[in-house]
């Protein structure tokens, strides 16, 4: 029977003829079908994936060299364009839309012989923290089907968690990779803003969005990052910084004792589950015992992080989503022939967008309006600058910052849907790295008394993903609790 632990192991099995790409794809198709009730996938490309697998098997047997992702089965969040395959951002307004080009990240995966198995469910336009805001219905957490998997990349997280693919891609605007990774007990990386091209990623908030990676281990994350990272002529925000050899992260140690900071206000927050707080404080004791310097840092801006994030992201969403008007592509309402254009737009957007997307568009339009622009949008930009400056000061003295990923483990479905403020406040620990543009990762270390996993969030300075991955790999090996 086919088994998977890592890309390295899988490739070794391919070379020894212990398995084949076809066998791997058949296995995942069977798993997806048997766990269809989890609702992780929107589209599954079974026939195409089998055809690609057979072609790769033939090339390998003919002695052709293997690509770095030869036969690796990958799922894509339904906001990432895959040429000639539907992408809808889990929204009715993009029903039946098919992109004419690949996202740069997808192009680079395919160039290394990856197999795209399908597109995964998510919160509509990546707006949500539970994967309950999808036109295709909610996604279930495979460890407890009454609980949410997190969002907005819940389908991609569950696809890895439940063994429905090897690795997957999500997008992270305010925690949409790290928080579902935390809820599902897997690894979730959000790179530095600009580390991976956003070309072909359907925009929510352009100065925040970043493609991220889900996997069960750090070496798999490192390999995908190394392949996708780098400059892109199609995205002016993609960084020109050289790409490190991230795959060395699992083979080279950090090399010296680390200086690690944590925000005192975060671990003393009344919103934080006490078991999570105790686990992280216990980890700081273990880190000190192993020779690392761990210190509490005062971060007086913590209470401003969530409001600043939602002012800025809703403003950018209001602008980005104005392109979806029913004229050029996507959903078009059934209206009378002579309906005035303004009324046509109203019908399109009222019927095409779900309630949460409508709420955020309206909030964004409000903060951008003439009477409130300076009071909200300009002020939020000023706070963002203060956050960046404060973060730069912290990294002058410290190698990494640790925080909880989420205030609680995965909660019950429907528990927070009636209170959007409570839902937004659940992002208190993840939006920080999106506001400042630094990389962040959630690694699975702990188990709660309610039986659900939860992780630790680690952040390093901009473009220090190699250090981040080395630390993460080391800590998973040293400090991960057995269930």
Protein backbone atom coordinates (compact mmCIF):
# COMPACT_ATOMS: atom_id res chain seq x y z
CA UNK A 1 0.00 0.00 0.00
CA UNK A 2 1.24 3.48 -0.87
CA UNK A 3 2.51 5.57 2.06
CA UNK A 4 3.92 9.08 2.18
CA UNK A 5 6.17 10.76 4.73
CA UNK A 6 8.23 13.26 2.70
CA UNK A 7 9.21 14.24 -0.84
CA UNK A 8 12.70 12.83 -0.24
CA UNK A 9 11.32 9.46 0.81
CA UNK A 10 8.84 9.44 -2.08
CA UNK A 11 11.58 10.10 -4.64
CA UNK A 12 13.74 7.36 -3.12
CA UNK A 13 10.82 4.95 -3.48
CA UNK A 14 10.33 6.00 -7.11
CA UNK A 15 14.00 5.41 -7.91
CA UNK A 16 13.95 1.99 -6.26
CA UNK A 17 10.71 1.10 -8.08
CA UNK A 18 8.98 0.56 -4.74
CA UNK A 19 6.18 2.79 -6.01
CA UNK A 20 5.24 4.88 -9.04
CA UNK A 21 3.68 8.25 -9.76
CA UNK A 22 0.60 6.45 -11.05
CA UNK A 23 0.24 4.51 -7.81
CA UNK A 24 0.61 7.73 -5.82
CA UNK A 25 -2.06 9.55 -7.82
CA UNK A 26 -4.43 6.59 -7.64
CA UNK A 27 -3.98 6.51 -3.88
CA UNK A 28 -4.83 10.21 -3.48
CA UNK A 29 -7.84 9.98 -5.78
CA UNK A 30 -9.17 7.13 -3.64
CA UNK A 31 -8.51 9.09 -0.45
CA UNK A 32 -10.24 12.20 -1.79
CA UNK A 33 -13.26 10.16 -2.79
CA UNK A 34 -13.47 8.34 0.56
CA UNK A 35 -13.26 11.63 2.47
CA UNK A 36 -15.37 13.75 0.15
CA UNK A 37 -17.63 14.68 3.06
CA UNK A 38 -14.81 16.84 4.47
CA UNK A 39 -15.48 19.14 1.49
CA UNK A 40 -11.79 20.02 1.16
CA UNK A 41 -11.79 20.02 -2.65
CA UNK A 42 -13.86 22.02 -5.11
CA UNK A 43 -12.37 20.44 -8.25
CA UNK A 44 -10.41 17.19 -8.64
CA UNK A 45 -8.46 16.59 -11.86
CA UNK A 46 -8.34 12.82 -11.63
CA UNK A 47 -8.01 11.86 -15.31
CA UNK A 48 -5.48 14.58 -16.04
CA UNK A 49 -3.39 13.73 -12.96
CA UNK A 50 -3.30 10.04 -13.93
CA UNK A 51 -2.23 10.98 -17.45
CA UNK A 52 0.58 13.17 -16.12
CA UNK A 53 1.66 10.44 -13.70
CA UNK A 54 1.86 7.85 -16.47
CA UNK A 55 3.95 10.22 -18.61
CA UNK A 56 6.33 10.88 -15.72
CA UNK A 57 6.67 7.16 -15.01
CA UNK A 58 7.56 6.54 -18.65
CA UNK A 59 10.17 9.30 -18.69
CA UNK A 60 11.76 8.08 -15.47
CA UNK A 61 11.94 4.49 -16.73
CA UNK A 62 13.55 5.80 -19.92
CA UNK A 63 16.35 7.20 -17.79
CA UNK A 64 15.43 10.87 -18.06
CA UNK A 65 16.44 13.04 -15.07
CA UNK A 66 13.76 13.77 -12.47
CA UNK A 67 12.56 17.27 -11.71
CA UNK A 68 12.79 18.48 -8.14
CA UNK A 69 9.05 17.86 -7.72
CA UNK A 70 8.81 14.83 -9.99
CA UNK A 71 5.38 13.30 -9.38
CA UNK A 72 4.71 15.31 -6.21
CA UNK A 73 0.93 15.60 -5.77
CA UNK A 74 -0.05 19.18 -4.91
CA UNK A 75 -3.38 20.91 -4.25
CA UNK A 76 -4.04 24.61 -4.95
CA UNK A 77 -6.26 26.94 -3.00
CA UNK A 78 -9.11 28.18 -5.17
CA UNK A 79 -7.60 31.66 -5.44
CA UNK A 80 -4.49 30.59 -7.38
CA UNK A 81 -4.73 30.51 -11.17
CA UNK A 82 -4.06 27.24 -12.99
CA UNK A 83 -4.34 27.71 -16.74
CA UNK A 84 -7.46 26.17 -18.33
CA UNK A 85 -8.76 25.02 -14.93
CA UNK A 86 -11.60 26.79 -13.10
CA UNK A 87 -10.81 29.26 -10.32
CA UNK A 88 -13.59 30.99 -8.40
CA UNK A 89 -12.21 32.24 -5.05
CA UNK A 90 -15.06 30.11 -3.63
CA UNK A 91 -17.49 32.80 -4.82
CA UNK A 92 -20.62 32.69 -6.95
CA UNK A 93 -19.45 35.85 -8.72
CA UNK A 94 -16.65 33.89 -10.44
CA UNK A 95 -18.69 30.80 -11.20
CA UNK A 96 -17.37 28.98 -14.29
CA UNK A 97 -14.43 31.37 -14.73
CA UNK A 98 -11.34 29.77 -16.28
CA UNK A 99 -7.98 31.60 -16.27
CA UNK A 100 -5.91 31.92 -19.43
CA UNK A 101 -2.55 31.71 -17.64
CA UNK A 102 -0.75 30.05 -14.75
CA UNK A 103 0.15 31.85 -11.57
CA UNK A 104 3.94 32.23 -11.52
CA UNK A 105 4.14 29.97 -8.46
CA UNK A 106 2.18 27.25 -10.27
CA UNK A 107 4.30 27.62 -13.40
CA UNK A 108 7.44 27.03 -11.35
CA UNK A 109 5.96 23.94 -9.68
CA UNK A 110 4.92 22.47 -13.02
CA UNK A 111 8.36 23.17 -14.49
CA UNK A 112 9.73 20.82 -11.81
CA UNK A 113 7.20 18.09 -12.79
CA UNK A 114 4.65 18.53 -10.00
CA UNK A 115 1.18 17.06 -10.45
CA UNK A 116 -1.74 19.36 -9.57
CA UNK A 117 -4.49 17.11 -8.18
CA UNK A 118 -7.19 19.76 -7.73
CA UNK A 119 -8.36 23.05 -6.25
CA UNK A 120 -9.30 23.34 -2.60
CA UNK A 121 -12.19 25.02 -0.84
CA UNK A 122 -11.67 28.29 1.05
CA UNK A 123 -13.48 31.25 2.52
CA UNK A 124 -14.87 33.43 -0.26
CA UNK A 125 -12.13 35.70 -1.63
CA UNK A 126 -9.97 34.51 1.29
CA UNK A 127 -12.13 36.48 3.75
CA UNK A 128 -12.67 34.43 6.88
CA UNK A 129 -11.08 32.42 9.67
CA UNK A 130 -13.20 29.26 9.64
CA UNK A 131 -13.85 28.21 6.02
CA UNK A 132 -17.57 28.67 6.62
CA UNK A 133 -17.85 31.60 4.15
CA UNK A 134 -17.65 29.56 0.95
CA UNK A 135 -20.15 29.33 -1.88
CA UNK A 136 -19.40 25.59 -1.85
CA UNK A 137 -20.18 25.01 1.82
CA UNK A 138 -18.01 24.63 4.89
CA UNK A 139 -14.92 22.43 5.25
CA UNK A 140 -14.71 19.97 8.16
CA UNK A 141 -11.69 19.43 10.39
CA UNK A 142 -10.63 15.81 9.86
CA UNK A 143 -9.63 15.39 13.54
CA UNK A 144 -13.05 16.48 14.82
CA UNK A 145 -15.68 17.03 12.16
CA UNK A 146 -17.74 19.25 14.46
CA UNK A 147 -14.90 21.78 14.54
CA UNK A 148 -13.67 24.26 11.96
CA UNK A 149 -10.37 23.71 10.14
CA UNK A 150 -9.52 27.40 10.26
CA UNK A 151 -9.47 29.78 7.34
CA UNK A 152 -9.35 31.11 4.89
CA UNK A 153 -7.21 28.27 3.47
CA UNK A 154 -9.12 25.55 5.31
CA UNK A 155 -9.45 23.22 2.33
CA UNK A 156 -5.72 23.27 1.63
CA UNK A 157 -4.96 22.59 5.30
CA UNK A 158 -7.39 19.68 5.52
CA UNK A 159 -6.07 18.24 2.24
CA UNK A 160 -2.66 17.85 3.90
CA UNK A 161 -4.02 16.96 7.33
CA UNK A 162 -6.27 14.16 6.00
CA UNK A 163 -3.70 12.79 3.53
CA UNK A 164 -5.52 13.98 0.40
CA UNK A 165 -2.31 15.31 -1.20
CA UNK A 166 1.37 15.54 -0.34
CA UNK A 167 1.62 19.32 0.03
CA UNK A 168 -0.64 22.24 -0.79
CA UNK A 169 -0.63 25.96 -1.44
CA UNK A 170 -2.72 28.55 0.33
CA UNK A 171 -2.71 32.31 0.61
CA UNK A 172 -2.08 34.34 3.75
CA UNK A 173 -3.42 37.88 4.11
CA UNK A 174 -3.79 37.93 7.90
CA UNK A 175 -3.08 34.38 9.02
CA UNK A 176 -4.93 32.32 6.42
CA UNK A 177 -2.13 29.75 6.20
CA UNK A 178 -0.79 29.78 9.75
CA UNK A 179 -4.12 29.66 11.59
CA UNK A 180 -5.57 26.64 9.71
CA UNK A 181 -2.19 24.91 10.03
CA UNK A 182 -2.49 25.49 13.78
CA UNK A 183 -6.05 24.13 13.91
CA UNK A 184 -5.15 21.08 11.79
CA UNK A 185 -1.85 20.15 13.42
CA UNK A 186 0.42 20.67 10.40
CA UNK A 187 3.11 23.12 9.25
CA UNK A 188 2.04 26.38 7.61
CA UNK A 189 4.47 28.99 6.25
CA UNK A 190 3.79 32.58 5.22
CA UNK A 191 6.96 33.91 3.57
CA UNK A 192 8.18 37.50 3.59
CA UNK A 193 5.94 39.79 1.54
CA UNK A 194 7.34 39.68 -2.00
CA UNK A 195 9.30 36.45 -1.53
CA UNK A 196 6.85 34.56 -3.80
CA UNK A 197 5.26 36.29 -6.78
CA UNK A 198 1.58 37.20 -6.42
CA UNK A 199 1.00 37.04 -10.19
CA UNK A 200 -2.00 34.78 -10.69
CA UNK A 201 -3.19 35.08 -7.08
CA UNK A 202 -6.69 36.57 -6.93
CA UNK A 203 -6.25 39.70 -4.82
CA UNK A 204 -7.89 40.37 -1.49
CA UNK A 205 -5.55 43.04 -0.07
CA UNK A 206 -2.58 43.55 -2.36
CA UNK A 207 -0.10 44.91 0.18
CA UNK A 208 -0.80 41.97 2.53
CA UNK A 209 -1.42 38.89 0.34
CA UNK A 210 1.26 36.22 0.06
CA UNK A 211 1.16 32.65 -1.24
CA UNK A 212 2.00 30.17 1.53
CA UNK A 213 2.73 26.48 1.94
CA UNK A 214 1.17 23.60 3.91
CA UNK A 215 3.06 20.39 4.63
CA UNK A 216 3.67 17.77 7.29
CA UNK A 217 7.35 18.59 7.66
CA UNK A 218 9.88 21.39 7.19
CA UNK A 219 11.95 19.82 4.35
CA UNK A 220 8.87 19.69 2.10
CA UNK A 221 8.08 23.34 2.89
CA UNK A 222 11.69 24.34 2.23
CA UNK A 223 11.78 22.64 -1.18
CA UNK A 224 8.57 24.27 -2.39
CA UNK A 225 9.71 27.68 -1.16
CA UNK A 226 13.07 27.35 -2.89
CA UNK A 227 11.34 26.52 -6.18
CA UNK A 228 8.65 29.22 -6.06
CA UNK A 229 10.64 32.12 -4.55
CA UNK A 230 12.33 34.84 -6.53
CA UNK A 231 11.85 37.80 -8.82
CA UNK A 232 9.11 37.87 -11.44
CA UNK A 233 8.71 40.27 -14.36
CA UNK A 234 4.94 39.95 -14.01
CA UNK A 235 4.86 41.19 -10.39
CA UNK A 236 6.58 44.46 -9.46
CA UNK A 237 6.19 43.64 -5.75
CA UNK A 238 8.15 40.38 -6.07
CA UNK A 239 11.51 40.91 -4.39
CA UNK A 240 14.85 40.92 -6.20
CA UNK A 241 16.55 39.54 -3.06
CA UNK A 242 18.53 36.38 -3.89
CA UNK A 243 16.88 33.06 -3.02
CA UNK A 244 18.64 31.07 -0.30
CA UNK A 245 19.13 27.31 -0.44
CA UNK A 246 16.21 26.66 1.88
CA UNK A 247 16.54 22.91 1.49
CA UNK A 248 19.65 23.02 3.70
CA UNK A 249 17.43 24.04 6.63
CA UNK A 250 16.88 20.45 7.72
CA UNK A 251 20.53 19.47 7.39
CA UNK A 252 22.29 22.41 9.06
CA UNK A 253 21.79 23.55 12.64
CA UNK A 254 21.29 27.15 13.73
CA UNK A 255 24.90 27.05 14.92
CA UNK A 256 24.71 29.16 18.05
CA UNK A 257 22.40 29.94 20.96
CA UNK A 258 19.51 32.13 19.81
CA UNK A 259 18.08 35.33 21.23
CA UNK A 260 14.32 34.90 21.24
CA UNK A 261 11.67 37.48 22.09
CA UNK A 262 8.03 37.10 23.01
CA UNK A 263 5.44 39.80 23.54
CA UNK A 264 4.46 39.92 27.19
CA UNK A 265 1.11 41.48 26.29
CA UNK A 266 0.32 38.51 24.03
CA UNK A 267 0.95 35.77 26.59
CA UNK A 268 -0.90 37.78 29.24
CA UNK A 269 -3.86 38.50 26.94
CA UNK A 270 -7.22 37.54 28.49
CA UNK A 271 -8.22 36.21 25.05
CA UNK A 272 -5.51 33.54 25.16
CA UNK A 273 -6.48 30.02 26.25
CA UNK A 274 -4.66 29.26 29.51
CA UNK A 275 -3.40 25.86 28.32
CA UNK A 276 -1.80 27.52 25.30
CA UNK A 277 -0.21 30.16 27.52
CA UNK A 278 1.19 27.54 29.90
CA UNK A 279 2.57 25.43 27.03
CA UNK A 280 4.42 28.36 25.49
CA UNK A 281 5.79 29.51 28.83
CA UNK A 282 6.90 25.93 29.48
CA UNK A 283 8.64 25.92 26.10
CA UNK A 284 10.52 29.12 27.00
CA UNK A 285 11.88 27.30 30.07
CA UNK A 286 13.08 24.42 27.88
CA UNK A 287 14.69 26.84 25.44
CA UNK A 288 16.57 28.58 28.28
CA UNK A 289 17.69 25.21 29.62
CA UNK A 290 19.10 24.44 26.17
CA UNK A 291 21.18 27.60 26.22
CA UNK A 292 18.98 30.07 24.36
CA UNK A 293 18.22 33.56 25.65
CA UNK A 294 14.47 34.14 25.88
CA UNK A 295 13.10 37.52 26.96
CA UNK A 296 9.74 39.22 27.25
CA UNK A 297 9.47 42.39 25.16
CA UNK A 298 6.95 45.13 25.77
CA UNK A 299 4.86 45.67 22.64
CA UNK A 300 2.53 48.53 23.40
CA UNK A 301 0.85 48.44 19.99
CA UNK A 302 -0.76 44.99 20.30
CA UNK A 303 -4.26 46.39 20.84
CA UNK A 304 -3.99 48.40 17.62
CA UNK A 305 -2.96 45.49 15.40
CA UNK A 306 -6.42 44.07 14.59
CA UNK A 307 -8.22 47.40 13.94
CA UNK A 308 -5.32 48.61 11.79
CA UNK A 309 -5.37 45.39 9.81
CA UNK A 310 -9.12 45.47 9.15
CA UNK A 311 -9.16 49.15 8.18
CA UNK A 312 -6.40 48.64 5.62
CA UNK A 313 -7.42 45.25 4.23
CA UNK A 314 -11.08 46.17 3.79
CA UNK A 315 -10.03 49.37 2.03
CA UNK A 316 -7.84 47.38 -0.37
CA UNK A 317 -10.59 44.78 -0.82
CA UNK A 318 -13.09 47.50 -1.72
CA UNK A 319 -10.75 48.64 -4.48
CA UNK A 320 -9.68 45.18 -5.69
CA UNK A 321 -13.15 43.68 -5.82
CA UNK A 322 -14.64 46.60 -7.76
CA UNK A 323 -13.53 44.79 -10.94
CA UNK A 324 -16.17 42.09 -10.42
CA UNK A 325 -19.16 43.78 -12.04
CA UNK A 326 -20.74 41.04 -14.18
CA UNK A 327 -19.85 42.76 -17.45
CA UNK A 328 -16.60 41.17 -18.64
CA UNK A 329 -16.67 37.72 -17.00
CA UNK A 330 -18.13 35.73 -14.14
CA UNK A 331 -21.64 35.80 -12.74
CA UNK A 332 -24.31 37.83 -14.55
CA UNK A 333 -27.76 38.26 -12.96
CA UNK A 334 -30.99 37.55 -14.81
CA UNK A 335 -32.33 41.10 -15.31
CA UNK A 336 -34.57 42.88 -17.76
CA UNK A 337 -32.94 43.96 -21.03
CA UNK A 338 -33.24 47.68 -20.33
CA UNK A 339 -32.13 47.57 -16.69
CA UNK A 340 -30.06 50.69 -15.84
CA UNK A 341 -26.33 50.02 -15.45
CA UNK A 342 -26.23 51.03 -11.77
CA UNK A 343 -29.08 48.64 -10.99
CA UNK A 344 -27.30 45.90 -12.98
CA UNK A 345 -24.17 46.39 -10.84
CA UNK A 346 -26.25 46.24 -7.66
CA UNK A 347 -27.93 43.01 -8.72
CA UNK A 348 -24.62 41.44 -9.78
CA UNK A 349 -22.77 42.23 -6.59
CA UNK A 350 -25.68 41.57 -4.22
CA UNK A 351 -26.30 38.13 -5.72
CA UNK A 352 -22.69 37.25 -6.53
CA UNK A 353 -20.93 38.18 -3.27
CA UNK A 354 -21.63 36.43 0.02
CA UNK A 355 -22.46 38.27 3.29
CA UNK A 356 -18.90 38.43 4.68
CA UNK A 357 -17.45 39.78 1.42
CA UNK A 358 -20.24 42.35 1.23
CA UNK A 359 -19.54 43.39 4.81
CA UNK A 360 -15.83 43.94 4.14
CA UNK A 361 -16.43 45.80 0.88
CA UNK A 362 -18.81 48.16 2.69
CA UNK A 363 -16.35 48.68 5.55
CA UNK A 364 -13.59 49.41 3.07
CA UNK A 365 -15.70 51.82 1.06
CA UNK A 366 -16.58 53.62 4.30
CA UNK A 367 -12.98 54.09 5.46
CA UNK A 368 -12.00 55.35 2.00
CA UNK A 369 -14.86 57.85 1.81
CA UNK A 370 -14.05 61.57 1.73
CA UNK A 371 -15.29 62.29 5.23
CA UNK A 372 -13.44 59.43 6.94
CA UNK A 373 -10.30 58.80 4.85
CA UNK A 374 -7.93 60.71 7.16
CA UNK A 375 -9.61 59.55 10.35
CA UNK A 376 -9.34 55.86 9.48
CA UNK A 377 -7.24 54.95 6.44
CA UNK A 378 -4.48 57.53 6.90
CA UNK A 379 -4.31 56.86 10.64
CA UNK A 380 -4.09 53.11 10.04
CA UNK A 381 -1.21 53.63 7.62
CA UNK A 382 0.59 55.64 10.29
CA UNK A 383 0.09 52.85 12.83
CA UNK A 384 1.39 50.33 10.30
CA UNK A 385 4.57 52.40 9.95
CA UNK A 386 4.97 52.43 13.76
CA UNK A 387 4.57 48.64 13.84
CA UNK A 388 7.25 48.20 11.19
CA UNK A 389 9.66 50.52 13.02
CA UNK A 390 9.04 48.77 16.34
CA UNK A 391 9.61 45.37 14.71
CA UNK A 392 12.89 46.53 13.17
CA UNK A 393 14.06 47.57 16.63
CA UNK A 394 13.16 44.17 18.07
CA UNK A 395 15.15 42.37 15.38
CA UNK A 396 18.23 44.45 16.12
CA UNK A 397 18.46 42.57 19.41
CA UNK A 398 16.73 39.25 18.70
CA UNK A 399 16.90 36.44 16.14
CA UNK A 400 13.25 35.44 16.35
CA UNK A 401 9.89 36.30 17.91
CA UNK A 402 7.54 33.62 19.22
CA UNK A 403 3.80 34.02 19.70
CA UNK A 404 0.73 31.83 19.90
CA UNK A 405 -0.71 31.20 16.44
CA UNK A 406 -4.31 31.53 17.59
CA UNK A 407 -5.95 32.39 20.95
CA UNK A 408 -7.71 29.00 21.12
CA UNK A 409 -7.59 25.58 19.48
CA UNK A 410 -10.11 24.85 16.73
CA UNK A 411 -13.61 25.77 17.89
CA UNK A 412 -17.00 24.34 16.96
CA UNK A 413 -18.53 25.17 13.58
CA UNK A 414 -20.98 28.06 13.82
CA UNK A 415 -19.64 29.13 17.21
CA UNK A 416 -18.50 32.60 16.10
CA UNK A 417 -20.45 33.18 12.90
CA UNK A 418 -22.98 35.45 14.61
CA UNK A 419 -20.31 37.71 16.10
CA UNK A 420 -17.96 39.09 13.42
CA UNK A 421 -16.04 41.17 15.98
CA UNK A 422 -15.16 38.04 17.98
CA UNK A 423 -14.11 36.37 14.73
CA UNK A 424 -11.88 39.30 13.77
CA UNK A 425 -10.26 39.41 17.21
CA UNK A 426 -9.24 35.77 16.77
CA UNK A 427 -6.66 37.06 14.27
CA UNK A 428 -4.85 39.07 16.95
CA UNK A 429 -1.59 37.06 16.80
CA UNK A 430 -1.32 36.39 13.05
CA UNK A 431 -2.07 39.75 11.38
CA UNK A 432 1.08 41.25 12.89
CA UNK A 433 3.43 39.59 10.38
CA UNK A 434 1.25 40.64 7.43
CA UNK A 435 1.20 44.26 8.59
CA UNK A 436 4.98 44.28 8.92
CA UNK A 437 5.78 42.03 5.95
CA UNK A 438 7.94 39.59 7.93
CA UNK A 439 7.83 35.79 7.48
CA UNK A 440 5.91 33.65 9.94
CA UNK A 441 5.35 29.95 10.43
CA UNK A 442 3.08 27.82 12.58
CA UNK A 443 4.63 24.55 13.70
CA UNK A 444 2.66 21.73 15.40
CA UNK A 445 4.03 21.20 18.91
CA UNK A 446 1.20 20.74 21.39
CA UNK A 447 -2.05 18.92 22.15
CA UNK A 448 -4.93 20.47 24.08
CA UNK A 449 -6.93 18.63 26.75
CA UNK A 450 -9.91 18.76 24.35
CA UNK A 451 -7.99 16.49 21.97
CA UNK A 452 -7.14 19.13 19.37
CA UNK A 453 -3.65 20.18 18.25
CA UNK A 454 -2.23 23.67 18.43
CA UNK A 455 1.04 25.14 17.38
CA UNK A 456 3.63 27.81 17.98
CA UNK A 457 4.12 30.80 15.72
CA UNK A 458 7.72 31.80 14.97
CA UNK A 459 8.74 34.94 13.09
CA UNK A 460 12.11 36.19 11.87
CA UNK A 461 13.24 39.36 10.11
CA UNK A 462 12.42 39.98 6.45
CA UNK A 463 13.98 37.46 4.03
CA UNK A 464 15.34 35.37 6.90
CA UNK A 465 13.30 32.30 5.92
CA UNK A 466 16.38 30.09 6.06
CA UNK A 467 16.83 30.85 9.76
CA UNK A 468 13.09 30.46 10.30
CA UNK A 469 13.06 27.02 8.71
CA UNK A 470 16.18 25.87 10.59
CA UNK A 471 14.68 26.91 13.92
CA UNK A 472 11.36 25.28 13.06
CA UNK A 473 12.91 22.00 11.99
CA UNK A 474 15.04 21.84 15.14
CA UNK A 475 12.18 22.66 17.49
CA UNK A 476 9.78 20.16 15.93
CA UNK A 477 12.37 17.44 16.48
CA UNK A 478 13.21 18.54 20.04
CA UNK A 479 10.00 19.84 21.58
CA UNK A 480 7.01 18.30 19.79
CA UNK A 481 4.63 16.61 22.20
CA UNK A 482 3.45 13.10 21.45
CA UNK A 483 -0.33 12.80 21.48
